[in-house]
Protein backbone atom coordinates (compact mmCIF):
# COMPACT_ATOMS: atom_id res chain seq x y z
CA UNK A 1 -61.19 33.88 2.36
CA UNK A 2 -58.57 35.00 4.80
CA UNK A 3 -54.81 35.02 4.32
CA UNK A 4 -54.25 31.63 5.99
CA UNK A 5 -56.89 29.94 3.86
CA UNK A 6 -55.32 31.25 0.64
CA UNK A 7 -51.74 30.47 1.67
CA UNK A 8 -52.81 27.00 2.77
CA UNK A 9 -54.44 26.24 -0.57
CA UNK A 10 -51.36 27.46 -2.45
CA UNK A 11 -48.97 25.42 -0.28
CA UNK A 12 -51.13 22.30 -0.71
CA UNK A 13 -51.12 22.73 -4.49
CA UNK A 14 -47.34 23.34 -4.55
CA UNK A 15 -46.88 20.16 -2.52
CA UNK A 16 -48.96 18.15 -4.99
CA UNK A 17 -46.85 19.46 -7.86
CA UNK A 18 -43.61 18.67 -6.00
CA UNK A 19 -44.82 15.17 -5.16
CA UNK A 20 -45.72 14.48 -8.81
CA UNK A 21 -42.37 15.87 -9.99
CA UNK A 22 -40.70 13.49 -7.55
CA UNK A 23 -42.66 10.58 -8.99
CA UNK A 24 -41.69 11.53 -12.54
CA UNK A 25 -38.00 11.80 -11.67
CA UNK A 26 -37.98 8.84 -9.31
CA UNK A 27 -36.96 11.02 -6.36
CA UNK A 28 -38.44 9.70 -3.13
CA UNK A 29 -37.01 12.75 -1.32
CA UNK A 30 -39.01 15.15 -3.52
CA UNK A 31 -42.12 13.01 -3.11
CA UNK A 32 -41.75 13.15 0.68
CA UNK A 33 -41.12 16.91 0.63
CA UNK A 34 -44.20 17.35 -1.53
CA UNK A 35 -46.32 15.36 0.91
CA UNK A 36 -44.93 17.44 3.76
CA UNK A 37 -45.92 20.66 1.97
CA UNK A 38 -49.40 19.28 1.41
CA UNK A 39 -49.77 18.58 5.13
CA UNK A 40 -48.53 22.08 5.99
CA UNK A 41 -50.97 23.56 3.47
CA UNK A 42 -53.92 21.63 4.84
CA UNK A 43 -53.00 22.67 8.38
CA UNK A 44 -52.66 26.32 7.38
CA UNK A 45 -56.00 26.29 5.55
CA UNK A 46 -57.57 24.66 8.61
CA UNK A 47 -56.08 27.41 10.74
CA UNK A 48 -57.71 29.99 8.49
CA UNK A 49 -61.05 28.21 8.65
CA UNK A 50 -60.81 28.01 12.43
CA UNK A 51 -59.90 31.70 12.78
CA UNK A 52 -62.96 32.65 10.80
CA UNK A 53 -65.27 30.39 12.80
CA UNK A 54 -63.97 31.42 16.23
CA UNK A 55 -64.12 35.11 15.42
CA UNK A 56 -67.68 34.84 14.11
CA UNK A 57 -69.05 32.49 16.76
CA UNK A 58 -67.38 33.61 19.97
CA UNK A 59 -66.68 37.32 19.49
CA UNK A 60 -63.07 36.98 20.58
CA UNK A 61 -60.53 39.69 19.80
CA UNK A 62 -57.92 39.15 17.11
CA UNK A 63 -55.12 38.22 19.52
CA UNK A 64 -57.27 35.70 21.37
CA UNK A 65 -58.32 34.04 18.10
CA UNK A 66 -54.81 34.01 16.65
CA UNK A 67 -53.40 32.67 19.91
CA UNK A 68 -55.92 29.84 20.15
CA UNK A 69 -55.43 28.92 16.52
CA UNK A 70 -51.62 29.03 16.74
CA UNK A 71 -51.74 26.81 19.82
CA UNK A 72 -53.96 24.30 18.03
CA UNK A 73 -51.84 24.41 14.87
CA UNK A 74 -48.78 23.74 17.03
CA UNK A 75 -50.43 20.70 18.57
CA UNK A 76 -51.29 19.37 15.12
CA UNK A 77 -47.76 20.05 13.85
CA UNK A 78 -46.25 18.33 16.88
CA UNK A 79 -48.43 15.25 16.30
CA UNK A 80 -47.61 15.23 12.58
CA UNK A 81 -43.94 15.29 13.55
CA UNK A 82 -44.46 12.32 15.84
CA UNK A 83 -46.23 10.39 13.09
CA UNK A 84 -43.50 11.08 10.55
CA UNK A 85 -40.64 10.72 13.01
CA UNK A 86 -39.54 14.34 12.48
CA UNK A 87 -38.04 15.80 15.63
CA UNK A 88 -37.79 19.15 13.81
CA UNK A 89 -41.55 19.29 13.19
CA UNK A 90 -42.23 18.26 16.78
CA UNK A 91 -40.02 21.09 18.04
CA UNK A 92 -41.63 23.61 15.67
CA UNK A 93 -45.04 22.47 16.89
CA UNK A 94 -44.08 22.99 20.53
CA UNK A 95 -42.66 26.42 19.69
CA UNK A 96 -45.89 27.37 17.93
CA UNK A 97 -47.92 26.26 20.97
CA UNK A 98 -45.90 28.54 23.24
CA UNK A 99 -46.31 31.47 20.83
CA UNK A 100 -50.06 30.80 20.74
CA UNK A 101 -50.39 30.78 24.52
CA UNK A 102 -48.50 34.07 24.76
CA UNK A 103 -50.60 35.70 22.05
CA UNK A 104 -53.84 34.53 23.66
CA UNK A 105 -52.60 35.96 26.96
CA UNK A 106 -52.05 39.32 25.27
CA UNK A 107 -55.61 39.17 23.91
CA UNK A 108 -56.98 38.28 27.34
CA UNK A 109 -55.10 41.20 28.87
CA UNK A 110 -56.51 43.57 26.24
CA UNK A 111 -60.03 42.38 27.10
CA UNK A 112 -59.39 42.90 30.80
CA UNK A 113 -58.13 46.44 30.21
CA UNK A 114 -61.05 47.18 27.89
CA UNK A 115 -63.56 46.09 30.53
CA UNK A 116 -61.62 48.28 32.91
């Protein structure tokens, strides 16, 4: 497992615990935060899974893979923000997409230089 897969699993589990604690205490806010953490964890684990698959299947360099994955994760986060009505998550998703496009561009440039 890679770092994103492990961190995603941990965040998902922490979210489940927080959600249950919210149920026990009657705190809808903690329940919602717990669900949010679970979504983040599932996204991060998916990012890790995708990184592994892309790297193995397409032979892309690390920056290209990370850039593609970050862009995709940003799109997912933006959509999750739209579904939950969270402008903050939408903005974070857009920011992540921009970071991903830049990182992929760095990877592309490295490949171009390598091919010389």
